[in-house]
């Protein structure tokens, strides 16, 4: 029960981060990108369809795959596991 409630809280926060990130994306300070990435990473933790979408995007787009491969070693282990191409959920 607690895990399900926690997932709902994470989902609401993630959607809020994505929406705020979209609104602030075009501001002179590129803070919207950070919010978008945080929101999408949180959505990937709680939503298997989002995780599958992200892995399809990574498989089809060499640019995205190359840059994620470069930054993965610098991320927390929990995000590394989610972003790893062999973890399509």
N, C-alpha and C. Protein backbone atom coordinates (compact mmCIF):
# COMPACT_ATOMS: atom_id res chain seq x y z
N UNK A 1 0.82 -1.19 0.00
CA UNK A 1 0.00 0.00 0.00
C UNK A 1 0.87 1.27 0.00
N UNK A 2 1.92 1.26 0.83
CA UNK A 2 2.80 2.42 0.90
C UNK A 2 3.51 2.63 -0.43
N UNK A 3 3.97 1.53 -1.06
CA UNK A 3 4.68 1.65 -2.33
C UNK A 3 3.77 2.23 -3.41
N UNK A 4 2.52 1.80 -3.44
CA UNK A 4 1.58 2.32 -4.43
C UNK A 4 1.32 3.81 -4.20
N UNK A 5 1.17 4.22 -2.96
CA UNK A 5 0.96 5.63 -2.66
C UNK A 5 2.20 6.44 -3.03
N UNK A 6 3.37 5.88 -2.75
CA UNK A 6 4.62 6.57 -3.09
C UNK A 6 4.74 6.74 -4.61
N UNK A 7 4.37 5.71 -5.37
CA UNK A 7 4.41 5.80 -6.83
C UNK A 7 3.47 6.87 -7.36
N UNK A 8 2.32 7.01 -6.74
CA UNK A 8 1.37 8.05 -7.16
C UNK A 8 1.94 9.42 -6.87
N UNK A 9 2.57 9.59 -5.71
CA UNK A 9 3.20 10.87 -5.37
C UNK A 9 4.30 11.19 -6.38
N UNK A 10 5.16 10.21 -6.68
CA UNK A 10 6.22 10.42 -7.65
C UNK A 10 5.67 10.76 -9.02
N UNK A 11 4.59 10.10 -9.41
CA UNK A 11 3.97 10.38 -10.71
C UNK A 11 3.45 11.82 -10.78
N UNK A 12 2.79 12.27 -9.73
CA UNK A 12 2.26 13.64 -9.71
C UNK A 12 3.40 14.65 -9.75
N UNK A 13 4.44 14.42 -8.96
CA UNK A 13 5.59 15.34 -8.95
C UNK A 13 6.28 15.34 -10.31
N UNK A 14 6.44 14.17 -10.90
CA UNK A 14 7.11 14.08 -12.20
C UNK A 14 6.33 14.82 -13.28
N UNK A 15 5.03 14.64 -13.32
CA UNK A 15 4.21 15.33 -14.31
C UNK A 15 4.28 16.85 -14.09
N UNK A 16 4.27 17.27 -12.82
CA UNK A 16 4.38 18.70 -12.52
C UNK A 16 5.73 19.24 -13.01
N UNK A 17 6.81 18.49 -12.78
CA UNK A 17 8.13 18.93 -13.24
C UNK A 17 8.18 19.04 -14.76
N UNK A 18 7.59 18.08 -15.45
CA UNK A 18 7.59 18.13 -16.91
C UNK A 18 6.78 19.34 -17.40
N UNK A 19 5.64 19.58 -16.81
CA UNK A 19 4.83 20.72 -17.24
C UNK A 19 5.52 22.05 -16.97
N UNK A 20 6.10 22.21 -15.78
CA UNK A 20 6.82 23.44 -15.46
C UNK A 20 8.05 23.56 -16.37
N UNK A 21 8.70 22.45 -16.65
CA UNK A 21 9.84 22.47 -17.56
C UNK A 21 9.46 22.91 -18.95
N UNK A 22 8.31 22.47 -19.43
CA UNK A 22 7.84 22.90 -20.75
C UNK A 22 7.52 24.39 -20.78
N UNK A 23 6.93 24.89 -19.69
CA UNK A 23 6.59 26.31 -19.63
C UNK A 23 7.85 27.17 -19.56
N UNK A 24 8.84 26.73 -18.80
CA UNK A 24 10.06 27.53 -18.61
C UNK A 24 11.15 27.21 -19.61
N UNK A 25 10.87 26.37 -20.57
CA UNK A 25 11.88 25.94 -21.54
C UNK A 25 12.46 27.10 -22.34
N UNK A 26 11.64 28.07 -22.70
CA UNK A 26 12.09 29.15 -23.57
C UNK A 26 12.61 30.38 -22.82
N UNK A 27 12.73 30.29 -21.50
CA UNK A 27 13.28 31.41 -20.75
C UNK A 27 14.77 31.55 -21.04
N UNK A 28 15.33 32.74 -20.83
CA UNK A 28 16.76 32.94 -21.10
C UNK A 28 17.67 32.03 -20.28
N UNK A 29 17.26 31.70 -19.06
CA UNK A 29 18.05 30.78 -18.24
C UNK A 29 17.53 29.37 -18.54
N UNK A 30 18.40 28.46 -18.97
CA UNK A 30 17.93 27.13 -19.42
C UNK A 30 17.53 26.20 -18.28
N UNK A 31 16.73 26.70 -17.35
CA UNK A 31 16.31 25.88 -16.23
C UNK A 31 15.22 24.89 -16.62
N UNK A 32 14.48 25.20 -17.67
CA UNK A 32 13.41 24.30 -18.12
C UNK A 32 13.93 22.95 -18.55
N UNK A 33 15.11 22.92 -19.14
CA UNK A 33 15.70 21.65 -19.58
C UNK A 33 15.98 20.76 -18.38
N UNK A 34 16.50 21.36 -17.31
CA UNK A 34 16.79 20.60 -16.09
C UNK A 34 15.50 20.03 -15.52
N UNK A 35 14.46 20.84 -15.46
CA UNK A 35 13.18 20.36 -14.93
C UNK A 35 12.60 19.24 -15.80
N UNK A 36 12.70 19.40 -17.12
CA UNK A 36 12.21 18.35 -18.02
C UNK A 36 12.95 17.03 -17.79
N UNK A 37 14.26 17.10 -17.70
CA UNK A 37 15.04 15.88 -17.49
C UNK A 37 14.73 15.23 -16.14
N UNK A 38 14.58 16.05 -15.12
CA UNK A 38 14.22 15.49 -13.81
C UNK A 38 12.84 14.82 -13.86
N UNK A 39 11.89 15.49 -14.50
CA UNK A 39 10.54 14.93 -14.59
C UNK A 39 10.49 13.65 -15.40
N UNK A 40 11.20 13.63 -16.52
CA UNK A 40 11.20 12.42 -17.36
C UNK A 40 11.90 11.27 -16.64
N UNK A 41 12.98 11.56 -15.93
CA UNK A 41 13.66 10.48 -15.20
C UNK A 41 12.77 9.93 -14.08
N UNK A 42 12.01 10.81 -13.42
CA UNK A 42 11.09 10.33 -12.39
C UNK A 42 9.96 9.52 -13.02
N UNK A 43 9.45 9.96 -14.17
CA UNK A 43 8.40 9.20 -14.85
C UNK A 43 8.89 7.82 -15.25
N UNK A 44 10.15 7.75 -15.66
CA UNK A 44 10.71 6.45 -16.05
C UNK A 44 10.79 5.51 -14.86
N UNK A 45 10.95 6.05 -13.66
CA UNK A 45 11.04 5.20 -12.47
C UNK A 45 9.70 4.57 -12.13
N UNK A 46 8.59 5.24 -12.43
CA UNK A 46 7.29 4.75 -12.00
C UNK A 46 6.39 4.29 -13.14
N UNK A 47 6.78 4.51 -14.39
CA UNK A 47 5.90 4.19 -15.50
C UNK A 47 6.62 3.34 -16.56
N UNK A 48 6.32 2.05 -16.62
CA UNK A 48 6.94 1.21 -17.65
C UNK A 48 6.69 1.69 -19.09
N UNK A 49 5.50 2.23 -19.43
CA UNK A 49 5.33 2.72 -20.81
C UNK A 49 6.28 3.88 -21.14
N UNK A 50 6.52 4.76 -20.20
CA UNK A 50 7.47 5.86 -20.44
C UNK A 50 8.88 5.30 -20.60
N UNK A 51 9.21 4.31 -19.79
CA UNK A 51 10.52 3.69 -19.89
C UNK A 51 10.70 3.03 -21.26
N UNK A 52 9.69 2.33 -21.75
CA UNK A 52 9.77 1.70 -23.07
C UNK A 52 9.90 2.75 -24.17
N UNK A 53 9.12 3.85 -24.06
CA UNK A 53 9.21 4.93 -25.04
C UNK A 53 10.63 5.50 -25.08
N UNK A 54 11.19 5.72 -23.90
CA UNK A 54 12.53 6.30 -23.83
C UNK A 54 13.56 5.37 -24.46
N UNK A 55 13.45 4.07 -24.20
CA UNK A 55 14.42 3.13 -24.77
C UNK A 55 14.25 2.99 -26.28
N UNK A 56 13.02 3.09 -26.79
CA UNK A 56 12.82 3.12 -28.24
C UNK A 56 13.45 4.37 -28.84
N UNK A 57 13.28 5.52 -28.16
CA UNK A 57 13.90 6.75 -28.62
C UNK A 57 15.42 6.59 -28.67
N UNK A 58 15.97 6.00 -27.65
CA UNK A 58 17.42 5.80 -27.59
C UNK A 58 17.89 4.84 -28.68
N UNK A 59 17.13 3.79 -28.94
CA UNK A 59 17.51 2.83 -29.99
C UNK A 59 17.47 3.46 -31.38
N UNK A 60 16.53 4.36 -31.61
CA UNK A 60 16.34 4.92 -32.94
C UNK A 60 17.16 6.19 -33.20
N UNK A 61 17.70 6.81 -32.16
CA UNK A 61 18.38 8.08 -32.31
C UNK A 61 19.81 7.96 -31.81
N UNK A 62 20.76 7.90 -32.73
CA UNK A 62 22.18 7.73 -32.37
C UNK A 62 22.69 8.93 -31.57
N UNK A 63 22.20 10.12 -31.85
CA UNK A 63 22.62 11.31 -31.13
C UNK A 63 22.29 11.19 -29.64
N UNK A 64 21.05 10.82 -29.35
CA UNK A 64 20.61 10.65 -27.95
C UNK A 64 21.41 9.54 -27.29
N UNK A 65 21.57 8.42 -27.97
CA UNK A 65 22.31 7.29 -27.40
C UNK A 65 23.75 7.67 -27.10
N UNK A 66 24.40 8.36 -28.00
CA UNK A 66 25.80 8.73 -27.80
C UNK A 66 25.97 9.63 -26.58
N UNK A 67 25.09 10.62 -26.45
CA UNK A 67 25.21 11.55 -25.32
C UNK A 67 24.84 10.88 -23.99
N UNK A 68 23.85 10.02 -24.01
CA UNK A 68 23.51 9.32 -22.77
C UNK A 68 24.62 8.36 -22.35
N UNK A 69 25.26 7.73 -23.32
CA UNK A 69 26.38 6.85 -23.01
C UNK A 69 27.51 7.64 -22.36
N UNK A 70 27.71 8.86 -22.81
CA UNK A 70 28.77 9.70 -22.24
C UNK A 70 28.47 10.16 -20.82
N UNK A 71 27.20 10.44 -20.51
CA UNK A 71 26.89 10.97 -19.19
C UNK A 71 26.52 9.91 -18.16
N UNK A 72 26.19 8.70 -18.60
CA UNK A 72 25.77 7.66 -17.66
C UNK A 72 26.74 7.41 -16.51
N UNK A 73 28.06 7.35 -16.75
CA UNK A 73 28.97 7.09 -15.62
C UNK A 73 28.94 8.18 -14.54
N UNK A 74 28.45 9.36 -14.86
CA UNK A 74 28.43 10.47 -13.91
C UNK A 74 27.10 10.59 -13.16
N UNK A 75 26.15 9.73 -13.46
CA UNK A 75 24.83 9.78 -12.84
C UNK A 75 24.77 8.85 -11.63
N UNK A 76 23.79 9.06 -10.76
CA UNK A 76 23.60 8.12 -9.66
C UNK A 76 23.27 6.71 -10.19
N UNK A 77 23.62 5.71 -9.42
CA UNK A 77 23.45 4.32 -9.85
C UNK A 77 21.99 4.01 -10.19
N UNK A 78 21.05 4.58 -9.43
CA UNK A 78 19.64 4.31 -9.71
C UNK A 78 19.24 4.80 -11.11
N UNK A 79 19.75 5.96 -11.52
CA UNK A 79 19.46 6.46 -12.87
C UNK A 79 20.22 5.68 -13.93
N UNK A 80 21.43 5.25 -13.61
CA UNK A 80 22.19 4.45 -14.57
C UNK A 80 21.42 3.17 -14.93
N UNK A 81 20.82 2.54 -13.92
CA UNK A 81 20.07 1.30 -14.17
C UNK A 81 18.87 1.55 -15.06
N UNK A 82 18.19 2.66 -14.85
CA UNK A 82 17.00 2.98 -15.63
C UNK A 82 17.37 3.34 -17.08
N UNK A 83 18.45 4.08 -17.25
CA UNK A 83 18.83 4.56 -18.57
C UNK A 83 19.54 3.52 -19.41
N UNK A 84 20.03 2.47 -18.78
CA UNK A 84 20.79 1.45 -19.49
C UNK A 84 19.93 0.86 -20.62
N UNK A 85 20.50 0.73 -21.82
CA UNK A 85 19.72 0.25 -22.97
C UNK A 85 19.14 -1.14 -22.79
N UNK A 86 19.77 -1.99 -22.01
CA UNK A 86 19.27 -3.36 -21.84
C UNK A 86 18.19 -3.45 -20.77
N UNK A 87 17.73 -2.32 -20.22
CA UNK A 87 16.71 -2.31 -19.19
C UNK A 87 15.46 -1.63 -19.72
N UNK A 88 14.84 -2.23 -20.71
CA UNK A 88 13.68 -1.62 -21.35
C UNK A 88 12.40 -1.78 -20.55
N UNK A 89 12.45 -2.46 -19.43
CA UNK A 89 11.28 -2.57 -18.56
C UNK A 89 10.26 -3.49 -19.10
